[in-house]
PDB file of all heavy atoms in Angstrom:
ATOM      1  N   ARG A   1       7.576  -8.608  17.345  1.00  0.00           N
ATOM      2  CA  ARG A   1       6.747  -9.636  18.013  1.00  0.00           C
ATOM      3  C   ARG A   1       5.463  -9.031  18.566  1.00  0.00           C
ATOM      4  O   ARG A   1       5.482  -7.890  19.066  1.00  0.00           O
ATOM      5  CB  ARG A   1       7.522 -10.280  19.158  1.00  0.00           C
ATOM      6  CG  ARG A   1       8.618 -11.240  18.685  1.00  0.00           C
ATOM      7  CD  ARG A   1       8.917 -12.285  19.725  1.00  0.00           C
ATOM      8  NE  ARG A   1      10.029 -13.132  19.325  1.00  0.00           N
ATOM      9  CZ  ARG A   1      10.290 -14.323  19.868  1.00  0.00           C
ATOM     10  NH1 ARG A   1       9.561 -14.778  20.883  1.00  0.00           N
ATOM     11  NH2 ARG A   1      11.293 -15.043  19.424  1.00  0.00           N
ATOM     12  N   LEU A   2       4.381  -9.772  18.434  1.00  0.00           N
ATOM     13  CA  LEU A   2       3.102  -9.300  18.942  1.00  0.00           C
ATOM     14  C   LEU A   2       3.056  -9.428  20.460  1.00  0.00           C
ATOM     15  O   LEU A   2       3.589 -10.386  21.037  1.00  0.00           O
ATOM     16  CB  LEU A   2       1.981 -10.138  18.321  1.00  0.00           C
ATOM     17  CG  LEU A   2       1.866 -10.059  16.790  1.00  0.00           C
ATOM     18  CD1 LEU A   2       0.795 -11.008  16.275  1.00  0.00           C
ATOM     19  CD2 LEU A   2       1.580  -8.640  16.338  1.00  0.00           C
ATOM     20  N   LYS A   3       2.442  -8.472  21.103  1.00  0.00           N
ATOM     21  CA  LYS A   3       2.353  -8.448  22.557  1.00  0.00           C
ATOM     22  C   LYS A   3       1.645  -9.706  23.075  1.00  0.00           C
ATOM     23  O   LYS A   3       0.558 -10.037  22.639  1.00  0.00           O
ATOM     24  CB  LYS A   3       1.607  -7.194  23.000  1.00  0.00           C
ATOM     25  CG  LYS A   3       1.529  -7.020  24.493  1.00  0.00           C
ATOM     26  CD  LYS A   3       0.794  -5.725  24.881  1.00  0.00           C
ATOM     27  CE  LYS A   3       0.689  -5.559  26.368  1.00  0.00           C
ATOM     28  NZ  LYS A   3      -0.084  -4.324  26.742  1.00  0.00           N
ATOM     29  N   GLY A   4       2.275 -10.393  24.005  1.00  0.00           N
ATOM     30  CA  GLY A   4       1.679 -11.572  24.610  1.00  0.00           C
ATOM     31  C   GLY A   4       1.693 -12.806  23.747  1.00  0.00           C
ATOM     32  O   GLY A   4       1.085 -13.817  24.095  1.00  0.00           O
ATOM     33  N   VAL A   5       2.357 -12.734  22.583  1.00  0.00           N
ATOM     34  CA  VAL A   5       2.402 -13.891  21.660  1.00  0.00           C
ATOM     35  C   VAL A   5       3.858 -14.299  21.464  1.00  0.00           C
ATOM     36  O   VAL A   5       4.648 -13.548  20.909  1.00  0.00           O
ATOM     37  CB  VAL A   5       1.768 -13.522  20.294  1.00  0.00           C
ATOM     38  CG1 VAL A   5       1.846 -14.715  19.353  1.00  0.00           C
ATOM     39  CG2 VAL A   5       0.337 -13.071  20.476  1.00  0.00           C
ATOM     40  N   ASN A   6       4.192 -15.480  21.926  1.00  0.00           N
ATOM     41  CA  ASN A   6       5.580 -15.938  21.858  1.00  0.00           C
ATOM     42  C   ASN A   6       5.890 -16.672  20.546  1.00  0.00           C
ATOM     43  O   ASN A   6       6.185 -17.867  20.519  1.00  0.00           O
ATOM     44  CB  ASN A   6       5.890 -16.863  23.058  1.00  0.00           C
ATOM     45  CG  ASN A   6       7.376 -17.203  23.158  1.00  0.00           C
ATOM     46  OD1 ASN A   6       8.233 -16.420  22.742  1.00  0.00           O
ATOM     47  ND2 ASN A   6       7.653 -18.386  23.678  1.00  0.00           N
ATOM     48  N   ILE A   7       5.763 -15.940  19.453  1.00  0.00           N
ATOM     49  CA  ILE A   7       6.043 -16.488  18.122  1.00  0.00           C
ATOM     50  C   ILE A   7       7.021 -15.543  17.435  1.00  0.00           C
ATOM     51  O   ILE A   7       6.758 -14.326  17.363  1.00  0.00           O
ATOM     52  CB  ILE A   7       4.769 -16.630  17.270  1.00  0.00           C
ATOM     53  CG1 ILE A   7       3.718 -17.499  17.993  1.00  0.00           C
ATOM     54  CG2 ILE A   7       5.103 -17.235  15.911  1.00  0.00           C
ATOM     55  CD1 ILE A   7       2.381 -17.537  17.289  1.00  0.00           C
ATOM     56  N   PRO A   8       8.144 -16.032  16.921  1.00  0.00           N
ATOM     57  CA  PRO A   8       9.106 -15.150  16.290  1.00  0.00           C
ATOM     58  C   PRO A   8       8.602 -14.576  14.975  1.00  0.00           C
ATOM     59  O   PRO A   8       7.775 -15.188  14.305  1.00  0.00           O
ATOM     60  CB  PRO A   8      10.325 -16.056  16.045  1.00  0.00           C
ATOM     61  CG  PRO A   8       9.751 -17.412  15.958  1.00  0.00           C
ATOM     62  CD  PRO A   8       8.576 -17.440  16.922  1.00  0.00           C
ATOM     63  N   THR A   9       9.081 -13.401  14.620  1.00  0.00           N
ATOM     64  CA  THR A   9       8.735 -12.805  13.343  1.00  0.00           C
ATOM     65  C   THR A   9       9.627 -13.401  12.247  1.00  0.00           C
ATOM     66  O   THR A   9      10.658 -14.014  12.528  1.00  0.00           O
ATOM     67  CB  THR A   9       8.938 -11.274  13.361  1.00  0.00           C
ATOM     68  OG1 THR A   9      10.367 -11.012  13.467  1.00  0.00           O
ATOM     69  CG2 THR A   9       8.211 -10.633  14.514  1.00  0.00           C
ATOM     70  N   LEU A  10       9.189 -13.220  11.000  1.00  0.00           N
ATOM     71  CA  LEU A  10      10.012 -13.622   9.864  1.00  0.00           C
ATOM     72  C   LEU A  10      11.322 -12.801   9.851  1.00  0.00           C
ATOM     73  O   LEU A  10      12.384 -13.328   9.580  1.00  0.00           O
ATOM     74  CB  LEU A  10       9.269 -13.428   8.560  1.00  0.00           C
ATOM     75  CG  LEU A  10       8.135 -14.421   8.272  1.00  0.00           C
ATOM     76  CD1 LEU A  10       7.235 -13.900   7.165  1.00  0.00           C
ATOM     77  CD2 LEU A  10       8.698 -15.792   7.885  1.00  0.00           C
ATOM     78  N   ILE A  11      11.179 -11.516  10.183  1.00  0.00           N
ATOM     79  CA  ILE A  11      12.316 -10.608  10.134  1.00  0.00           C
ATOM     80  C   ILE A  11      13.423 -11.060  11.087  1.00  0.00           C
ATOM     81  O   ILE A  11      14.605 -11.077  10.731  1.00  0.00           O
ATOM     82  CB  ILE A  11      11.887  -9.176  10.442  1.00  0.00           C
ATOM     83  CG1 ILE A  11      11.012  -8.634   9.307  1.00  0.00           C
ATOM     84  CG2 ILE A  11      13.089  -8.245  10.658  1.00  0.00           C
ATOM     85  CD1 ILE A  11      10.371  -7.283   9.563  1.00  0.00           C
ATOM     86  N   GLU A  12      13.063 -11.444  12.293  1.00  0.00           N
ATOM     87  CA  GLU A  12      14.102 -11.861  13.254  1.00  0.00           C
ATOM     88  C   GLU A  12      14.720 -13.212  12.891  1.00  0.00           C
ATOM     89  O   GLU A  12      15.766 -13.581  13.442  1.00  0.00           O
ATOM     90  CB  GLU A  12      13.573 -11.865  14.682  1.00  0.00           C
ATOM     91  CG  GLU A  12      12.542 -12.957  14.986  1.00  0.00           C
ATOM     92  CD  GLU A  12      11.996 -12.830  16.417  1.00  0.00           C
ATOM     93  OE1 GLU A  12      11.055 -12.079  16.635  1.00  0.00           O
ATOM     94  OE2 GLU A  12      12.526 -13.556  17.289  1.00  0.00           O
ATOM     95  N   GLN A  13      14.096 -13.908  11.932  1.00  0.00           N
ATOM     96  CA  GLN A  13      14.693 -15.147  11.433  1.00  0.00           C
ATOM     97  C   GLN A  13      15.442 -14.928  10.123  1.00  0.00           C
ATOM     98  O   GLN A  13      15.769 -15.893   9.424  1.00  0.00           O
ATOM     99  CB  GLN A  13      13.577 -16.186  11.256  1.00  0.00           C
ATOM    100  CG  GLN A  13      12.885 -16.557  12.564  1.00  0.00           C
ATOM    101  CD  GLN A  13      11.804 -17.624  12.379  1.00  0.00           C
ATOM    102  OE1 GLN A  13      12.069 -18.799  12.103  1.00  0.00           O
ATOM    103  NE2 GLN A  13      10.542 -17.210  12.521  1.00  0.00           N
ATOM    104  N   GLY A  14      15.710 -13.669   9.832  1.00  0.00           N
ATOM    105  CA  GLY A  14      16.538 -13.334   8.657  1.00  0.00           C
ATOM    106  C   GLY A  14      15.780 -13.252   7.347  1.00  0.00           C
ATOM    107  O   GLY A  14      16.390 -13.186   6.290  1.00  0.00           O
ATOM    108  N   ILE A  15      14.431 -13.224   7.419  1.00  0.00           N
ATOM    109  CA  ILE A  15      13.614 -13.126   6.204  1.00  0.00           C
ATOM    110  C   ILE A  15      12.903 -11.800   6.230  1.00  0.00           C
ATOM    111  O   ILE A  15      11.980 -11.606   7.030  1.00  0.00           O
ATOM    112  CB  ILE A  15      12.597 -14.291   6.093  1.00  0.00           C
ATOM    113  CG1 ILE A  15      13.341 -15.647   6.205  1.00  0.00           C
ATOM    114  CG2 ILE A  15      11.799 -14.211   4.805  1.00  0.00           C
ATOM    115  CD1 ILE A  15      12.419 -16.813   6.408  1.00  0.00           C
ATOM    116  N   ASN A  16      13.316 -10.862   5.432  1.00  0.00           N
ATOM    117  CA  ASN A  16      12.817  -9.489   5.487  1.00  0.00           C
ATOM    118  C   ASN A  16      11.429  -9.348   4.848  1.00  0.00           C
ATOM    119  O   ASN A  16      11.255  -8.737   3.801  1.00  0.00           O
ATOM    120  CB  ASN A  16      13.812  -8.545   4.821  1.00  0.00           C
ATOM    121  CG  ASN A  16      13.471  -7.091   5.068  1.00  0.00           C
ATOM    122  OD1 ASN A  16      12.823  -6.770   6.070  1.00  0.00           O
ATOM    123  ND2 ASN A  16      13.850  -6.230   4.137  1.00  0.00           N
ATOM    124  N   VAL A  17      10.438  -9.934   5.516  1.00  0.00           N
ATOM    125  CA  VAL A  17       9.055  -9.882   5.043  1.00  0.00           C
ATOM    126  C   VAL A  17       8.144  -9.466   6.192  1.00  0.00           C
ATOM    127  O   VAL A  17       8.179 -10.048   7.292  1.00  0.00           O
ATOM    128  CB  VAL A  17       8.595 -11.250   4.505  1.00  0.00           C
ATOM    129  CG1 VAL A  17       7.091 -11.255   4.243  1.00  0.00           C
ATOM    130  CG2 VAL A  17       9.352 -11.616   3.231  1.00  0.00           C
ATOM    131  N   SER A  18       7.326  -8.465   5.936  1.00  0.00           N
ATOM    132  CA  SER A  18       6.339  -8.006   6.890  1.00  0.00           C
ATOM    133  C   SER A  18       5.076  -7.635   6.125  1.00  0.00           C
ATOM    134  O   SER A  18       5.153  -6.881   5.139  1.00  0.00           O
ATOM    135  CB  SER A  18       6.848  -6.801   7.695  1.00  0.00           C
ATOM    136  OG  SER A  18       5.811  -6.288   8.521  1.00  0.00           O
ATOM    137  N   LEU A  19       3.915  -8.138   6.530  1.00  0.00           N
ATOM    138  CA  LEU A  19       2.689  -7.907   5.779  1.00  0.00           C
ATOM    139  C   LEU A  19       1.491  -7.994   6.702  1.00  0.00           C
ATOM    140  O   LEU A  19       1.344  -9.004   7.435  1.00  0.00           O
ATOM    141  CB  LEU A  19       2.560  -8.912   4.643  1.00  0.00           C
ATOM    142  CG  LEU A  19       1.388  -8.743   3.666  1.00  0.00           C
ATOM    143  CD1 LEU A  19       1.571  -7.464   2.837  1.00  0.00           C
ATOM    144  CD2 LEU A  19       1.279  -9.943   2.741  1.00  0.00           C
ATOM    145  N   GLY A  20       0.616  -7.011   6.710  1.00  0.00           N
ATOM    146  CA  GLY A  20      -0.555  -7.033   7.551  1.00  0.00           C
ATOM    147  C   GLY A  20      -1.821  -7.356   6.756  1.00  0.00           C
ATOM    148  O   GLY A  20      -1.849  -7.309   5.538  1.00  0.00           O
ATOM    149  N   ASN A  21      -2.872  -7.685   7.499  1.00  0.00           N
ATOM    150  CA  ASN A  21      -4.176  -8.023   6.920  1.00  0.00           C
ATOM    151  C   ASN A  21      -5.229  -7.193   7.601  1.00  0.00           C
ATOM    152  O   ASN A  21      -5.288  -7.180   8.831  1.00  0.00           O
ATOM    153  CB  ASN A  21      -4.441  -9.525   7.108  1.00  0.00           C
ATOM    154  CG  ASN A  21      -5.726  -9.975   6.402  1.00  0.00           C
ATOM    155  OD1 ASN A  21      -6.258  -9.263   5.585  1.00  0.00           O
ATOM    156  ND2 ASN A  21      -6.212 -11.137   6.755  1.00  0.00           N
ATOM    157  N   TRP A  22      -6.034  -6.468   6.830  1.00  0.00           N
ATOM    158  CA  TRP A  22      -7.083  -5.656   7.436  1.00  0.00           C
ATOM    159  C   TRP A  22      -8.443  -6.095   6.912  1.00  0.00           C
ATOM    160  O   TRP A  22      -8.549  -6.696   5.863  1.00  0.00           O
ATOM    161  CB  TRP A  22      -6.857  -4.155   7.128  1.00  0.00           C
ATOM    162  CG  TRP A  22      -6.803  -3.821   5.673  1.00  0.00           C
ATOM    163  CD1 TRP A  22      -5.694  -3.787   4.890  1.00  0.00           C
ATOM    164  CD2 TRP A  22      -7.908  -3.527   4.823  1.00  0.00           C
ATOM    165  NE1 TRP A  22      -6.056  -3.471   3.578  1.00  0.00           N
ATOM    166  CE2 TRP A  22      -7.380  -3.292   3.521  1.00  0.00           C
ATOM    167  CE3 TRP A  22      -9.292  -3.421   5.018  1.00  0.00           C
ATOM    168  CZ2 TRP A  22      -8.204  -2.987   2.425  1.00  0.00           C
ATOM    169  CZ3 TRP A  22     -10.108  -3.105   3.944  1.00  0.00           C
ATOM    170  CH2 TRP A  22      -9.555  -2.901   2.657  1.00  0.00           C
ATOM    171  N   ARG A  23      -9.486  -5.776   7.676  1.00  0.00           N
ATOM    172  CA  ARG A  23     -10.848  -6.140   7.276  1.00  0.00           C
ATOM    173  C   ARG A  23     -11.774  -4.966   7.493  1.00  0.00           C
ATOM    174  O   ARG A  23     -11.587  -4.171   8.420  1.00  0.00           O
ATOM    175  CB  ARG A  23     -11.351  -7.353   8.069  1.00  0.00           C
ATOM    176  CG  ARG A  23     -10.468  -8.610   7.837  1.00  0.00           C
ATOM    177  CD  ARG A  23     -11.032  -9.823   8.540  1.00  0.00           C
ATOM    178  NE  ARG A  23     -10.159 -10.974   8.343  1.00  0.00           N
ATOM    179  CZ  ARG A  23      -9.343 -11.464   9.274  1.00  0.00           C
ATOM    180  NH1 ARG A  23      -9.294 -10.910  10.452  1.00  0.00           N
ATOM    181  NH2 ARG A  23      -8.569 -12.505   9.007  1.00  0.00           N
ATOM    182  N   GLY A  24     -12.795  -4.873   6.667  1.00  0.00           N
ATOM    183  CA  GLY A  24     -13.755  -3.763   6.773  1.00  0.00           C
ATOM    184  C   GLY A  24     -15.101  -4.166   6.224  1.00  0.00           C
ATOM    185  O   GLY A  24     -15.365  -5.343   5.951  1.00  0.00           O
ATOM    186  N   VAL A  25     -15.959  -3.171   6.003  1.00  0.00           N
ATOM    187  CA  VAL A  25     -17.288  -3.440   5.466  1.00  0.00           C
ATOM    188  C   VAL A  25     -17.649  -2.393   4.401  1.00  0.00           C
ATOM    189  O   VAL A  25     -17.224  -1.237   4.488  1.00  0.00           O
ATOM    190  CB  VAL A  25     -18.386  -3.458   6.536  1.00  0.00           C
ATOM    191  CG1 VAL A  25     -18.341  -4.734   7.359  1.00  0.00           C
ATOM    192  CG2 VAL A  25     -18.295  -2.226   7.467  1.00  0.00           C
ATOM    193  N   TYR A  26     -18.419  -2.823   3.431  1.00  0.00           N
ATOM    194  CA  TYR A  26     -18.965  -1.961   2.369  1.00  0.00           C
ATOM    195  C   TYR A  26     -20.487  -2.039   2.410  1.00  0.00           C
ATOM    196  O   TYR A  26     -21.048  -3.053   2.861  1.00  0.00           O
ATOM    197  CB  TYR A  26     -18.480  -2.435   0.990  1.00  0.00           C
ATOM    198  CG  TYR A  26     -17.262  -1.728   0.467  1.00  0.00           C
ATOM    199  CD1 TYR A  26     -16.103  -1.628   1.203  1.00  0.00           C
ATOM    200  CD2 TYR A  26     -17.273  -1.146  -0.793  1.00  0.00           C
ATOM    201  CE1 TYR A  26     -14.963  -0.993   0.698  1.00  0.00           C
ATOM    202  CE2 TYR A  26     -16.152  -0.491  -1.310  1.00  0.00           C
ATOM    203  CZ  TYR A  26     -15.019  -0.402  -0.562  1.00  0.00           C
ATOM    204  OH  TYR A  26     -13.903   0.252  -1.039  1.00  0.00           O
ATOM    205  N   GLY A  27     -21.136  -0.978   1.929  1.00  0.00           N
ATOM    206  CA  GLY A  27     -22.563  -0.956   1.780  1.00  0.00           C
ATOM    207  C   GLY A  27     -22.957  -1.277   0.340  1.00  0.00           C
ATOM    208  O   GLY A  27     -22.092  -1.441  -0.525  1.00  0.00           O
ATOM    209  N   ALA A  28     -24.232  -1.327   0.085  1.00  0.00           N
ATOM    210  CA  ALA A  28     -24.751  -1.696  -1.221  1.00  0.00           C
ATOM    211  C   ALA A  28     -24.519  -0.591  -2.258  1.00  0.00           C
ATOM    212  O   ALA A  28     -24.332   0.584  -1.909  1.00  0.00           O
ATOM    213  CB  ALA A  28     -26.243  -2.003  -1.127  1.00  0.00           C
ATOM    214  N   PRO A  29     -24.559  -0.974  -3.539  1.00  0.00           N
ATOM    215  CA  PRO A  29     -24.465   0.052  -4.593  1.00  0.00           C
ATOM    216  C   PRO A  29     -25.720   0.912  -4.573  1.00  0.00           C
ATOM    217  O   PRO A  29     -26.795   0.446  -4.158  1.00  0.00           O
ATOM    218  CB  PRO A  29     -24.421  -0.773  -5.888  1.00  0.00           C
ATOM    219  CG  PRO A  29     -24.099  -2.161  -5.469  1.00  0.00           C
ATOM    220  CD  PRO A  29     -24.633  -2.317  -4.080  1.00  0.00           C
TER     221      PRO A  29
END
């Protein structure tokens, strides 16, 4: 569970799925 967020994870509901999303930046060619 995320800190300060009262939302259950998929894992604790018996669904073994965990996946993150990241963001970044690229420069020009």
